């Protein structure tokens, strides 16, 4: 690892964090869902895009910038887990099951689809 690698990851992370914040603000201010849709959107989009990057066998700088930096900060496992716990604590069982099913199942499917498209 060298300074250039750190700069690629940092630049991607900077943009990804801003995108995640922007998506959350946009969705949460305009729509009211029981399901945490903003987190679902960024995590599913990130799964697809990371699959695409990996399938395309991106060069190391592109992988560091987009795969590690951008996708690493755009997607959010900790927020996903916290929102799941909140749904569980509030006994919103159907929403809890739907959220986890869509997040895990959709994430795997979209990562696979992105990977396959990237290989083309």
PDB file of N, CA and C in Angstrom:
ATOM      1  N   UNK A   1       0.845  -1.166   0.000  1.00  0.00           N
ATOM      2  CA  UNK A   1       0.000   0.000   0.000  1.00  0.00           C
ATOM      3  C   UNK A   1       0.898   1.239   0.000  1.00  0.00           C
ATOM      4  N   UNK A   2       0.509   2.209  -0.807  1.00  0.00           N
ATOM      5  CA  UNK A   2       1.270   3.453  -0.853  1.00  0.00           C
ATOM      6  C   UNK A   2       0.319   4.649  -0.789  1.00  0.00           C
ATOM      7  N   UNK A   3       0.869   5.829  -0.825  1.00  0.00           N
ATOM      8  CA  UNK A   3       0.077   7.050  -0.699  1.00  0.00           C
ATOM      9  C   UNK A   3      -0.964   7.183  -1.810  1.00  0.00           C
ATOM     10  N   UNK A   4      -0.614   6.798  -3.023  1.00  0.00           N
ATOM     11  CA  UNK A   4      -1.557   6.892  -4.142  1.00  0.00           C
ATOM     12  C   UNK A   4      -2.755   5.982  -3.888  1.00  0.00           C
ATOM     13  N   UNK A   5      -2.505   4.781  -3.385  1.00  0.00           N
ATOM     14  CA  UNK A   5      -3.609   3.869  -3.061  1.00  0.00           C
ATOM     15  C   UNK A   5      -4.533   4.490  -2.016  1.00  0.00           C
ATOM     16  N   UNK A   6      -3.949   5.071  -0.988  1.00  0.00           N
ATOM     17  CA  UNK A   6      -4.744   5.720   0.057  1.00  0.00           C
ATOM     18  C   UNK A   6      -5.563   6.878  -0.502  1.00  0.00           C
ATOM     19  N   UNK A   7      -4.987   7.623  -1.434  1.00  0.00           N
ATOM     20  CA  UNK A   7      -5.713   8.743  -2.039  1.00  0.00           C
ATOM     21  C   UNK A   7      -6.893   8.258  -2.881  1.00  0.00           C
ATOM     22  N   UNK A   8      -6.706   7.156  -3.606  1.00  0.00           N
ATOM     23  CA  UNK A   8      -7.813   6.583  -4.386  1.00  0.00           C
ATOM     24  C   UNK A   8      -8.945   6.142  -3.461  1.00  0.00           C
ATOM     25  N   UNK A   9      -8.607   5.421  -2.409  1.00  0.00           N
ATOM     26  CA  UNK A   9      -9.628   4.952  -1.464  1.00  0.00           C
ATOM     27  C   UNK A   9     -10.301   6.147  -0.785  1.00  0.00           C
ATOM     28  N   UNK A  10      -9.510   7.118  -0.362  1.00  0.00           N
ATOM     29  CA  UNK A  10     -10.057   8.295   0.308  1.00  0.00           C
ATOM     30  C   UNK A  10     -10.977   9.114  -0.587  1.00  0.00           C
ATOM     31  N   UNK A  11     -10.579   9.303  -1.840  1.00  0.00           N
ATOM     32  CA  UNK A  11     -11.413  10.070  -2.777  1.00  0.00           C
ATOM     33  C   UNK A  11     -12.732   9.347  -3.036  1.00  0.00           C
ATOM     34  N   UNK A  12     -12.657   8.042  -3.252  1.00  0.00           N
ATOM     35  CA  UNK A  12     -13.877   7.268  -3.463  1.00  0.00           C
ATOM     36  C   UNK A  12     -14.761   7.285  -2.227  1.00  0.00           C
ATOM     37  N   UNK A  13     -14.145   7.156  -1.062  1.00  0.00           N
ATOM     38  CA  UNK A  13     -14.894   7.172   0.187  1.00  0.00           C
ATOM     39  C   UNK A  13     -15.582   8.506   0.425  1.00  0.00           C
ATOM     40  N   UNK A  14     -14.913   9.585   0.084  1.00  0.00           N
ATOM     41  CA  UNK A  14     -15.478  10.917   0.223  1.00  0.00           C
ATOM     42  C   UNK A  14     -16.753  11.046  -0.613  1.00  0.00           C
ATOM     43  N   UNK A  15     -16.673  10.643  -1.872  1.00  0.00           N
ATOM     44  CA  UNK A  15     -17.825  10.740  -2.771  1.00  0.00           C
ATOM     45  C   UNK A  15     -18.938   9.788  -2.328  1.00  0.00           C
ATOM     46  N   UNK A  16     -18.572   8.566  -1.939  1.00  0.00           N
ATOM     47  CA  UNK A  16     -19.574   7.593  -1.508  1.00  0.00           C
ATOM     48  C   UNK A  16     -20.341   8.039  -0.284  1.00  0.00           C
ATOM     49  N   UNK A  17     -19.642   8.619   0.680  1.00  0.00           N
ATOM     50  CA  UNK A  17     -20.303   9.091   1.896  1.00  0.00           C
ATOM     51  C   UNK A  17     -21.279  10.225   1.580  1.00  0.00           C
ATOM     52  N   UNK A  18     -20.879  11.115   0.696  1.00  0.00           N
ATOM     53  CA  UNK A  18     -21.766  12.217   0.295  1.00  0.00           C
ATOM     54  C   UNK A  18     -22.982  11.675  -0.451  1.00  0.00           C
ATOM     55  N   UNK A  19     -22.768  10.703  -1.343  1.00  0.00           N
ATOM     56  CA  UNK A  19     -23.895  10.104  -2.068  1.00  0.00           C
ATOM     57  C   UNK A  19     -24.873   9.416  -1.120  1.00  0.00           C
ATOM     58  N   UNK A  20     -24.336   8.687  -0.147  1.00  0.00           N
ATOM     59  CA  UNK A  20     -25.211   8.002   0.813  1.00  0.00           C
ATOM     60  C   UNK A  20     -26.035   9.024   1.589  1.00  0.00           C
ATOM     61  N   UNK A  21     -25.394  10.082   2.047  1.00  0.00           N
ATOM     62  CA  UNK A  21     -26.105  11.135   2.772  1.00  0.00           C
ATOM     63  C   UNK A  21     -27.171  11.767   1.883  1.00  0.00           C
ATOM     64  N   UNK A  22     -26.828  12.049   0.629  1.00  0.00           N
ATOM     65  CA  UNK A  22     -27.775  12.688  -0.290  1.00  0.00           C
ATOM     66  C   UNK A  22     -28.978  11.788  -0.564  1.00  0.00           C
ATOM     67  N   UNK A  23     -28.743  10.512  -0.794  1.00  0.00           N
ATOM     68  CA  UNK A  23     -29.850   9.578  -1.035  1.00  0.00           C
ATOM     69  C   UNK A  23     -30.741   9.507   0.199  1.00  0.00           C
ATOM     70  N   UNK A  24     -30.144   9.390   1.378  1.00  0.00           N
ATOM     71  CA  UNK A  24     -30.926   9.320   2.614  1.00  0.00           C
ATOM     72  C   UNK A  24     -31.775  10.572   2.805  1.00  0.00           C
ATOM     73  N   UNK A  25     -31.174  11.734   2.599  1.00  0.00           N
ATOM     74  CA  UNK A  25     -31.911  12.985   2.755  1.00  0.00           C
ATOM     75  C   UNK A  25     -33.045  13.086   1.747  1.00  0.00           C
ATOM     76  N   UNK A  26     -32.767  12.757   0.506  1.00  0.00           N
ATOM     77  CA  UNK A  26     -33.768  12.840  -0.556  1.00  0.00           C
ATOM     78  C   UNK A  26     -34.947  11.921  -0.260  1.00  0.00           C
ATOM     79  N   UNK A  27     -34.667  10.660   0.024  1.00  0.00           N
ATOM     80  CA  UNK A  27     -35.733   9.677   0.237  1.00  0.00           C
ATOM     81  C   UNK A  27     -36.499   9.966   1.523  1.00  0.00           C
ATOM     82  N   UNK A  28     -35.796  10.200   2.606  1.00  0.00           N
ATOM     83  CA  UNK A  28     -36.457  10.369   3.905  1.00  0.00           C
ATOM     84  C   UNK A  28     -37.272  11.655   4.011  1.00  0.00           C
ATOM     85  N   UNK A  29     -36.913  12.691   3.269  1.00  0.00           N
ATOM     86  CA  UNK A  29     -37.675  13.942   3.317  1.00  0.00           C
ATOM     87  C   UNK A  29     -38.922  13.894   2.439  1.00  0.00           C
ATOM     88  N   UNK A  30     -38.926  13.025   1.450  1.00  0.00           N
ATOM     89  CA  UNK A  30     -40.025  13.011   0.498  1.00  0.00           C
ATOM     90  C   UNK A  30     -41.004  11.863   0.699  1.00  0.00           C
ATOM     91  N   UNK A  31     -40.551  10.798   1.316  1.00  0.00           N
ATOM     92  CA  UNK A  31     -41.377   9.602   1.414  1.00  0.00           C
ATOM     93  C   UNK A  31     -41.362   9.064   2.835  1.00  0.00           C
ATOM     94  N   UNK A  32     -42.459   8.462   3.209  1.00  0.00           N
ATOM     95  CA  UNK A  32     -42.550   7.814   4.517  1.00  0.00           C
ATOM     96  C   UNK A  32     -42.874   6.343   4.297  1.00  0.00           C
ATOM     97  N   UNK A  33     -41.927   5.498   4.592  1.00  0.00           N
ATOM     98  CA  UNK A  33     -42.100   4.058   4.471  1.00  0.00           C
ATOM     99  C   UNK A  33     -41.829   3.424   5.826  1.00  0.00           C
ATOM    100  N   UNK A  34     -42.466   2.296   6.085  1.00  0.00           N
ATOM    101  CA  UNK A  34     -42.095   1.533   7.278  1.00  0.00           C
ATOM    102  C   UNK A  34     -40.745   0.872   7.053  1.00  0.00           C
ATOM    103  N   UNK A  35     -40.487   0.496   5.826  1.00  0.00           N
ATOM    104  CA  UNK A  35     -39.226  -0.131   5.449  1.00  0.00           C
ATOM    105  C   UNK A  35     -38.157   0.956   5.317  1.00  0.00           C
ATOM    106  N   UNK A  36     -36.944   0.730   5.813  1.00  0.00           N
ATOM    107  CA  UNK A  36     -35.861   1.721   5.657  1.00  0.00           C
ATOM    108  C   UNK A  36     -35.363   1.754   4.199  1.00  0.00           C
ATOM    109  N   UNK A  37     -36.096   2.429   3.350  1.00  0.00           N
ATOM    110  CA  UNK A  37     -35.869   2.394   1.910  1.00  0.00           C
ATOM    111  C   UNK A  37     -34.540   3.021   1.502  1.00  0.00           C
ATOM    112  N   UNK A  38     -34.131   4.095   2.121  1.00  0.00           N
ATOM    113  CA  UNK A  38     -32.882   4.755   1.724  1.00  0.00           C
ATOM    114  C   UNK A  38     -31.694   3.816   1.896  1.00  0.00           C
ATOM    115  N   UNK A  39     -31.615   3.127   3.015  1.00  0.00           N
ATOM    116  CA  UNK A  39     -30.525   2.179   3.246  1.00  0.00           C
ATOM    117  C   UNK A  39     -30.630   1.019   2.277  1.00  0.00           C
ATOM    118  N   UNK A  40     -31.840   0.554   2.042  1.00  0.00           N
ATOM    119  CA  UNK A  40     -32.049  -0.539   1.091  1.00  0.00           C
ATOM    120  C   UNK A  40     -31.561  -0.142  -0.300  1.00  0.00           C
ATOM    121  N   UNK A  41     -31.875   1.059  -0.737  1.00  0.00           N
ATOM    122  CA  UNK A  41     -31.462   1.535  -2.060  1.00  0.00           C
ATOM    123  C   UNK A  41     -29.941   1.564  -2.186  1.00  0.00           C
ATOM    124  N   UNK A  42     -29.255   2.181  -1.222  1.00  0.00           N
ATOM    125  CA  UNK A  42     -27.797   2.292  -1.349  1.00  0.00           C
ATOM    126  C   UNK A  42     -27.128   0.931  -1.243  1.00  0.00           C
ATOM    127  N   UNK A  43     -27.652   0.050  -0.399  1.00  0.00           N
ATOM    128  CA  UNK A  43     -27.037  -1.260  -0.268  1.00  0.00           C
ATOM    129  C   UNK A  43     -27.261  -2.133  -1.497  1.00  0.00           C
ATOM    130  N   UNK A  44     -28.454  -2.096  -2.069  1.00  0.00           N
ATOM    131  CA  UNK A  44     -28.709  -2.884  -3.276  1.00  0.00           C
ATOM    132  C   UNK A  44     -27.951  -2.325  -4.473  1.00  0.00           C
ATOM    133  N   UNK A  45     -27.941  -1.010  -4.612  1.00  0.00           N
ATOM    134  CA  UNK A  45     -27.173  -0.395  -5.703  1.00  0.00           C
ATOM    135  C   UNK A  45     -25.687  -0.712  -5.547  1.00  0.00           C
ATOM    136  N   UNK A  46     -25.187  -0.627  -4.324  1.00  0.00           N
ATOM    137  CA  UNK A  46     -23.786  -0.937  -4.068  1.00  0.00           C
ATOM    138  C   UNK A  46     -23.447  -2.379  -4.370  1.00  0.00           C
ATOM    139  N   UNK A  47     -24.350  -3.307  -4.051  1.00  0.00           N
ATOM    140  CA  UNK A  47     -24.128  -4.721  -4.363  1.00  0.00           C
ATOM    141  C   UNK A  47     -23.996  -4.924  -5.868  1.00  0.00           C
ATOM    142  N   UNK A  48     -24.919  -4.323  -6.612  1.00  0.00           N
ATOM    143  CA  UNK A  48     -24.875  -4.444  -8.074  1.00  0.00           C
ATOM    144  C   UNK A  48     -23.594  -3.827  -8.635  1.00  0.00           C
ATOM    145  N   UNK A  49     -23.286  -2.622  -8.207  1.00  0.00           N
ATOM    146  CA  UNK A  49     -22.124  -1.918  -8.755  1.00  0.00           C
ATOM    147  C   UNK A  49     -20.803  -2.594  -8.385  1.00  0.00           C
ATOM    148  N   UNK A  50     -20.702  -3.115  -7.173  1.00  0.00           N
ATOM    149  CA  UNK A  50     -19.483  -3.833  -6.795  1.00  0.00           C
ATOM    150  C   UNK A  50     -19.357  -5.121  -7.605  1.00  0.00           C
ATOM    151  N   UNK A  51     -20.479  -5.800  -7.829  1.00  0.00           N
ATOM    152  CA  UNK A  51     -20.456  -6.974  -8.704  1.00  0.00           C
ATOM    153  C   UNK A  51     -19.990  -6.612 -10.105  1.00  0.00           C
ATOM    154  N   UNK A  52     -20.478  -5.498 -10.616  1.00  0.00           N
ATOM    155  CA  UNK A  52     -20.092  -5.017 -11.938  1.00  0.00           C
ATOM    156  C   UNK A  52     -18.599  -4.716 -12.004  1.00  0.00           C
ATOM    157  N   UNK A  53     -18.085  -4.036 -11.000  1.00  0.00           N
ATOM    158  CA  UNK A  53     -16.662  -3.691 -10.943  1.00  0.00           C
ATOM    159  C   UNK A  53     -15.812  -4.952 -10.897  1.00  0.00           C
ATOM    160  N   UNK A  54     -16.211  -5.905 -10.070  1.00  0.00           N
ATOM    161  CA  UNK A  54     -15.445  -7.146  -9.939  1.00  0.00           C
ATOM    162  C   UNK A  54     -15.544  -7.994 -11.206  1.00  0.00           C
ATOM    163  N   UNK A  55     -16.735  -8.058 -11.786  1.00  0.00           N
ATOM    164  CA  UNK A  55     -16.911  -8.833 -13.012  1.00  0.00           C
ATOM    165  C   UNK A  55     -16.107  -8.271 -14.166  1.00  0.00           C
ATOM    166  N   UNK A  56     -15.971  -6.952 -14.210  1.00  0.00           N
ATOM    167  CA  UNK A  56     -15.207  -6.296 -15.279  1.00  0.00           C
ATOM    168  C   UNK A  56     -13.705  -6.392 -15.045  1.00  0.00           C
ATOM    169  N   UNK A  57     -13.315  -6.969 -13.908  1.00  0.00           N
ATOM    170  CA  UNK A  57     -11.903  -7.096 -13.542  1.00  0.00           C
ATOM    171  C   UNK A  57     -11.193  -5.745 -13.671  1.00  0.00           C
ATOM    172  N   UNK A  58     -11.740  -4.784 -12.958  1.00  0.00           N
ATOM    173  CA  UNK A  58     -11.215  -3.419 -12.986  1.00  0.00           C
ATOM    174  C   UNK A  58      -9.751  -3.397 -12.553  1.00  0.00           C
ATOM    175  N   UNK A  59      -9.026  -2.452 -13.088  1.00  0.00           N
ATOM    176  CA  UNK A  59      -7.630  -2.282 -12.701  1.00  0.00           C
ATOM    177  C   UNK A  59      -7.551  -1.929 -11.217  1.00  0.00           C
ATOM    178  N   UNK A  60      -6.376  -2.061 -10.643  1.00  0.00           N
ATOM    179  CA  UNK A  60      -6.226  -1.787  -9.209  1.00  0.00           C
ATOM    180  C   UNK A  60      -6.641  -0.374  -8.826  1.00  0.00           C
ATOM    181  N   UNK A  61      -6.230   0.667  -9.567  1.00  0.00           N
ATOM    182  CA  UNK A  61      -6.667   2.017  -9.182  1.00  0.00           C
ATOM    183  C   UNK A  61      -8.191   2.188  -9.238  1.00  0.00           C
ATOM    184  N   UNK A  62      -8.824   1.628 -10.264  1.00  0.00           N
ATOM    185  CA  UNK A  62     -10.287   1.725 -10.384  1.00  0.00           C
ATOM    186  C   UNK A  62     -10.955   0.943  -9.269  1.00  0.00           C
ATOM    187  N   UNK A  63     -10.430  -0.241  -8.970  1.00  0.00           N
ATOM    188  CA  UNK A  63     -10.979  -1.042  -7.877  1.00  0.00           C
ATOM    189  C   UNK A  63     -10.860  -0.302  -6.539  1.00  0.00           C
ATOM    190  N   UNK A  64      -9.709   0.311  -6.295  1.00  0.00           N
ATOM    191  CA  UNK A  64      -9.518   1.038  -5.042  1.00  0.00           C
ATOM    192  C   UNK A  64     -10.433   2.255  -4.958  1.00  0.00           C
ATOM    193  N   UNK A  65     -10.552   2.993  -6.053  1.00  0.00           N
ATOM    194  CA  UNK A  65     -11.388   4.193  -6.088  1.00  0.00           C
ATOM    195  C   UNK A  65     -12.873   3.857  -5.972  1.00  0.00           C
ATOM    196  N   UNK A  66     -13.343   2.962  -6.841  1.00  0.00           N
ATOM    197  CA  UNK A  66     -14.773   2.668  -6.914  1.00  0.00           C
ATOM    198  C   UNK A  66     -15.207   1.515  -6.020  1.00  0.00           C
ATOM    199  N   UNK A  67     -14.453   0.430  -6.025  1.00  0.00           N
ATOM    200  CA  UNK A  67     -14.840  -0.753  -5.258  1.00  0.00           C
ATOM    201  C   UNK A  67     -14.656  -0.573  -3.766  1.00  0.00           C
ATOM    202  N   UNK A  68     -13.452  -0.213  -3.367  1.00  0.00           N
ATOM    203  CA  UNK A  68     -13.161  -0.073  -1.937  1.00  0.00           C
ATOM    204  C   UNK A  68     -13.673   1.264  -1.405  1.00  0.00           C
ATOM    205  N   UNK A  69     -13.304   2.358  -2.053  1.00  0.00           N
ATOM    206  CA  UNK A  69     -13.660   3.684  -1.543  1.00  0.00           C
ATOM    207  C   UNK A  69     -15.132   4.023  -1.707  1.00  0.00           C
ATOM    208  N   UNK A  70     -15.582   4.133  -2.945  1.00  0.00           N
ATOM    209  CA  UNK A  70     -16.956   4.565  -3.221  1.00  0.00           C
ATOM    210  C   UNK A  70     -17.988   3.582  -2.679  1.00  0.00           C
ATOM    211  N   UNK A  71     -17.877   2.312  -3.069  1.00  0.00           N
ATOM    212  CA  UNK A  71     -18.870   1.330  -2.623  1.00  0.00           C
ATOM    213  C   UNK A  71     -18.757   1.063  -1.122  1.00  0.00           C
ATOM    214  N   UNK A  72     -17.542   1.136  -0.591  1.00  0.00           N
ATOM    215  CA  UNK A  72     -17.351   0.913   0.839  1.00  0.00           C
ATOM    216  C   UNK A  72     -18.042   1.956   1.704  1.00  0.00           C
ATOM    217  N   UNK A  73     -18.075   3.181   1.232  1.00  0.00           N
ATOM    218  CA  UNK A  73     -18.726   4.222   2.045  1.00  0.00           C
ATOM    219  C   UNK A  73     -20.169   4.482   1.609  1.00  0.00           C
ATOM    220  N   UNK A  74     -20.509   4.131   0.381  1.00  0.00           N
ATOM    221  CA  UNK A  74     -21.905   4.281  -0.067  1.00  0.00           C
ATOM    222  C   UNK A  74     -22.793   3.286   0.669  1.00  0.00           C
ATOM    223  N   UNK A  75     -22.354   2.052   0.718  1.00  0.00           N
ATOM    224  CA  UNK A  75     -23.146   1.022   1.389  1.00  0.00           C
ATOM    225  C   UNK A  75     -22.905   1.087   2.886  1.00  0.00           C
ATOM    226  N   UNK A  76     -23.836   0.538   3.642  1.00  0.00           N
ATOM    227  CA  UNK A  76     -23.729   0.680   5.087  1.00  0.00           C
ATOM    228  C   UNK A  76     -24.295  -0.530   5.806  1.00  0.00           C
ATOM    229  N   UNK A  77     -23.408  -1.382   6.258  1.00  0.00           N
ATOM    230  CA  UNK A  77     -23.819  -2.581   6.983  1.00  0.00           C
ATOM    231  C   UNK A  77     -24.280  -2.227   8.397  1.00  0.00           C
ATOM    232  N   UNK A  78     -23.623  -1.283   9.027  1.00  0.00           N
ATOM    233  CA  UNK A  78     -23.973  -0.944  10.413  1.00  0.00           C
ATOM    234  C   UNK A  78     -25.362  -0.314  10.489  1.00  0.00           C
ATOM    235  N   UNK A  79     -25.693   0.583   9.576  1.00  0.00           N
ATOM    236  CA  UNK A  79     -27.025   1.190   9.587  1.00  0.00           C
ATOM    237  C   UNK A  79     -28.078   0.139   9.283  1.00  0.00           C
ATOM    238  N   UNK A  80     -27.780  -0.745   8.350  1.00  0.00           N
ATOM    239  CA  UNK A  80     -28.689  -1.847   8.015  1.00  0.00           C
ATOM    240  C   UNK A  80     -28.990  -2.684   9.256  1.00  0.00           C
ATOM    241  N   UNK A  81     -27.968  -3.030  10.009  1.00  0.00           N
ATOM    242  CA  UNK A  81     -28.158  -3.840  11.212  1.00  0.00           C
ATOM    243  C   UNK A  81     -28.947  -3.073  12.278  1.00  0.00           C
ATOM    244  N   UNK A  82     -28.610  -1.811  12.478  1.00  0.00           N
ATOM    245  CA  UNK A  82     -29.321  -1.006  13.471  1.00  0.00           C
ATOM    246  C   UNK A  82     -30.802  -0.881  13.124  1.00  0.00           C
ATOM    247  N   UNK A  83     -31.104  -0.620  11.864  1.00  0.00           N
ATOM    248  CA  UNK A  83     -32.506  -0.497  11.450  1.00  0.00           C
ATOM    249  C   UNK A  83     -33.238  -1.823  11.626  1.00  0.00           C
ATOM    250  N   UNK A  84     -32.554  -2.924  11.364  1.00  0.00           N
ATOM    251  CA  UNK A  84     -33.158  -4.236  11.601  1.00  0.00           C
ATOM    252  C   UNK A  84     -33.474  -4.451  13.067  1.00  0.00           C
ATOM    253  N   UNK A  85     -32.556  -4.068  13.935  1.00  0.00           N
ATOM    254  CA  UNK A  85     -32.788  -4.190  15.383  1.00  0.00           C
ATOM    255  C   UNK A  85     -33.967  -3.313  15.801  1.00  0.00           C
ATOM    256  N   UNK A  86     -34.046  -2.108  15.263  1.00  0.00           N
ATOM    257  CA  UNK A  86     -35.156  -1.217  15.611  1.00  0.00           C
ATOM    258  C   UNK A  86     -36.499  -1.807  15.179  1.00  0.00           C
ATOM    259  N   UNK A  87     -36.538  -2.412  13.994  1.00  0.00           N
ATOM    260  CA  UNK A  87     -37.773  -3.060  13.551  1.00  0.00           C
ATOM    261  C   UNK A  87     -38.132  -4.222  14.474  1.00  0.00           C
ATOM    262  N   UNK A  88     -37.134  -4.976  14.882  1.00  0.00           N
ATOM    263  CA  UNK A  88     -37.353  -6.106  15.785  1.00  0.00           C
ATOM    264  C   UNK A  88     -37.857  -5.628  17.154  1.00  0.00           C
ATOM    265  N   UNK A  89     -37.191  -4.641  17.715  1.00  0.00           N
ATOM    266  CA  UNK A  89     -37.578  -4.111  19.036  1.00  0.00           C
ATOM    267  C   UNK A  89     -38.998  -3.547  19.000  1.00  0.00           C
ATOM    268  N   UNK A  90     -39.355  -2.905  17.897  1.00  0.00           N
ATOM    269  CA  UNK A  90     -40.694  -2.327  17.755  1.00  0.00           C
ATOM    270  C   UNK A  90     -41.737  -3.346  17.282  1.00  0.00           C
ATOM    271  N   UNK A  91     -41.320  -4.601  17.203  1.00  0.00           N
ATOM    272  CA  UNK A  91     -42.208  -5.719  16.848  1.00  0.00           C
ATOM    273  C   UNK A  91     -42.884  -5.546  15.489  1.00  0.00           C
ATOM    274  N   UNK A  92     -42.154  -4.988  14.556  1.00  0.00           N
ATOM    275  CA  UNK A  92     -42.658  -4.843  13.190  1.00  0.00           C
ATOM    276  C   UNK A  92     -42.137  -6.043  12.390  1.00  0.00           C
ATOM    277  N   UNK A  93     -42.714  -7.210  12.717  1.00  0.00           N
ATOM    278  CA  UNK A  93     -42.177  -8.479  12.217  1.00  0.00           C
ATOM    279  C   UNK A  93     -42.221  -8.589  10.701  1.00  0.00           C
ATOM    280  N   UNK A  94     -43.319  -8.221  10.084  1.00  0.00           N
ATOM    281  CA  UNK A  94     -43.426  -8.337   8.627  1.00  0.00           C
ATOM    282  C   UNK A  94     -42.410  -7.430   7.938  1.00  0.00           C
ATOM    283  N   UNK A  95     -42.274  -6.217   8.439  1.00  0.00           N
ATOM    284  CA  UNK A  95     -41.312  -5.275   7.869  1.00  0.00           C
ATOM    285  C   UNK A  95     -39.890  -5.765   8.109  1.00  0.00           C
ATOM    286  N   UNK A  96     -39.637  -6.304   9.295  1.00  0.00           N
ATOM    287  CA  UNK A  96     -38.321  -6.861   9.628  1.00  0.00           C
ATOM    288  C   UNK A  96     -37.948  -7.984   8.665  1.00  0.00           C
ATOM    289  N   UNK A  97     -38.874  -8.906   8.442  1.00  0.00           N
ATOM    290  CA  UNK A  97     -38.609 -10.036   7.538  1.00  0.00           C
ATOM    291  C   UNK A  97     -38.443  -9.546   6.100  1.00  0.00           C
ATOM    292  N   UNK A  98     -39.297  -8.638   5.666  1.00  0.00           N
ATOM    293  CA  UNK A  98     -39.194  -8.111   4.303  1.00  0.00           C
ATOM    294  C   UNK A  98     -37.870  -7.385   4.092  1.00  0.00           C
ATOM    295  N   UNK A  99     -37.491  -6.559   5.063  1.00  0.00           N
ATOM    296  CA  UNK A  99     -36.250  -5.783   4.960  1.00  0.00           C
ATOM    297  C   UNK A  99     -35.025  -6.694   4.884  1.00  0.00           C
ATOM    298  N   UNK A 100     -34.972  -7.685   5.747  1.00  0.00           N
ATOM    299  CA  UNK A 100     -33.843  -8.604   5.738  1.00  0.00           C
ATOM    300  C   UNK A 100     -33.827  -9.467   4.483  1.00  0.00           C
ATOM    301  N   UNK A 101     -34.977  -9.925   4.057  1.00  0.00           N
ATOM    302  CA  UNK A 101     -35.053 -10.748   2.844  1.00  0.00           C
ATOM    303  C   UNK A 101     -34.635  -9.954   1.616  1.00  0.00           C
ATOM    304  N   UNK A 102     -35.165  -8.748   1.490  1.00  0.00           N
ATOM    305  CA  UNK A 102     -34.805  -7.903   0.349  1.00  0.00           C
ATOM    306  C   UNK A 102     -33.325  -7.526   0.381  1.00  0.00           C
ATOM    307  N   UNK A 103     -32.818  -7.198   1.554  1.00  0.00           N
ATOM    308  CA  UNK A 103     -31.423  -6.775   1.670  1.00  0.00           C
ATOM    309  C   UNK A 103     -30.463  -7.912   1.362  1.00  0.00           C
ATOM    310  N   UNK A 104     -30.644  -9.042   2.024  1.00  0.00           N
ATOM    311  CA  UNK A 104     -29.737 -10.170   1.811  1.00  0.00           C
ATOM    312  C   UNK A 104     -29.956 -10.817   0.449  1.00  0.00           C
ATOM    313  N   UNK A 105     -31.200 -11.199   0.181  1.00  0.00           N
ATOM    314  CA  UNK A 105     -31.497 -11.879  -1.084  1.00  0.00           C
ATOM    315  C   UNK A 105     -31.262 -10.983  -2.282  1.00  0.00           C
ATOM    316  N   UNK A 106     -31.782  -9.764  -2.205  1.00  0.00           N
ATOM    317  CA  UNK A 106     -31.604  -8.823  -3.308  1.00  0.00           C
ATOM    318  C   UNK A 106     -30.149  -8.464  -3.517  1.00  0.00           C
ATOM    319  N   UNK A 107     -29.416  -8.302  -2.421  1.00  0.00           N
ATOM    320  CA  UNK A 107     -27.991  -7.980  -2.526  1.00  0.00           C
ATOM    321  C   UNK A 107     -27.202  -9.066  -3.232  1.00  0.00           C
ATOM    322  N   UNK A 108     -27.476 -10.313  -2.890  1.00  0.00           N
ATOM    323  CA  UNK A 108     -26.772 -11.430  -3.527  1.00  0.00           C
ATOM    324  C   UNK A 108     -27.136 -11.513  -5.008  1.00  0.00           C
ATOM    325  N   UNK A 109     -28.425 -11.414  -5.299  1.00  0.00           N
ATOM    326  CA  UNK A 109     -28.863 -11.489  -6.702  1.00  0.00           C
ATOM    327  C   UNK A 109     -28.278 -10.336  -7.512  1.00  0.00           C
ATOM    328  N   UNK A 110     -28.340  -9.118  -6.995  1.00  0.00           N
ATOM    329  CA  UNK A 110     -27.830  -7.971  -7.746  1.00  0.00           C
ATOM    330  C   UNK A 110     -26.312  -7.999  -7.892  1.00  0.00           C
ATOM    331  N   UNK A 111     -25.603  -8.483  -6.892  1.00  0.00           N
ATOM    332  CA  UNK A 111     -24.148  -8.624  -7.017  1.00  0.00           C
ATOM    333  C   UNK A 111     -23.823  -9.637  -8.119  1.00  0.00           C
ATOM    334  N   UNK A 112     -24.575 -10.731  -8.168  1.00  0.00           N
ATOM    335  CA  UNK A 112     -24.364 -11.743  -9.213  1.00  0.00           C
ATOM    336  C   UNK A 112     -24.682 -11.174 -10.593  1.00  0.00           C
ATOM    337  N   UNK A 113     -25.802 -10.477 -10.716  1.00  0.00           N
ATOM    338  CA  UNK A 113     -26.181  -9.885 -12.007  1.00  0.00           C
ATOM    339  C   UNK A 113     -25.126  -8.870 -12.446  1.00  0.00           C
ATOM    340  N   UNK A 114     -24.701  -8.019 -11.530  1.00  0.00           N
ATOM    341  CA  UNK A 114     -23.655  -7.049 -11.852  1.00  0.00           C
ATOM    342  C   UNK A 114     -22.366  -7.731 -12.284  1.00  0.00           C
ATOM    343  N   UNK A 115     -21.997  -8.788 -11.584  1.00  0.00           N
ATOM    344  CA  UNK A 115     -20.785  -9.543 -11.915  1.00  0.00           C
ATOM    345  C   UNK A 115     -20.879 -10.127 -13.325  1.00  0.00           C
ATOM    346  N   UNK A 116     -22.020 -10.721 -13.623  1.00  0.00           N
ATOM    347  CA  UNK A 116     -22.209 -11.326 -14.956  1.00  0.00           C
ATOM    348  C   UNK A 116     -22.200 -10.274 -16.058  1.00  0.00           C
ATOM    349  N   UNK A 117     -22.836  -9.147 -15.820  1.00  0.00           N
ATOM    350  CA  UNK A 117     -22.811  -8.057 -16.809  1.00  0.00           C
ATOM    351  C   UNK A 117     -21.401  -7.539 -16.971  1.00  0.00           C
ATOM    352  N   UNK A 118     -20.676  -7.402 -15.869  1.00  0.00           N
ATOM    353  CA  UNK A 118     -19.302  -6.924 -15.924  1.00  0.00           C
ATOM    354  C   UNK A 118     -18.385  -7.843 -16.726  1.00  0.00           C
ATOM    355  N   UNK A 119     -18.682  -9.124 -16.718  1.00  0.00           N
ATOM    356  CA  UNK A 119     -17.856 -10.089 -17.452  1.00  0.00           C
ATOM    357  C   UNK A 119     -18.080 -10.009 -18.964  1.00  0.00           C
ATOM    358  N   UNK A 120     -19.165  -9.375 -19.383  1.00  0.00           N
ATOM    359  CA  UNK A 120     -19.458  -9.303 -20.825  1.00  0.00           C
ATOM    360  C   UNK A 120     -18.474  -8.466 -21.564  1.00  0.00           C
TER     361      UNK A 120
END
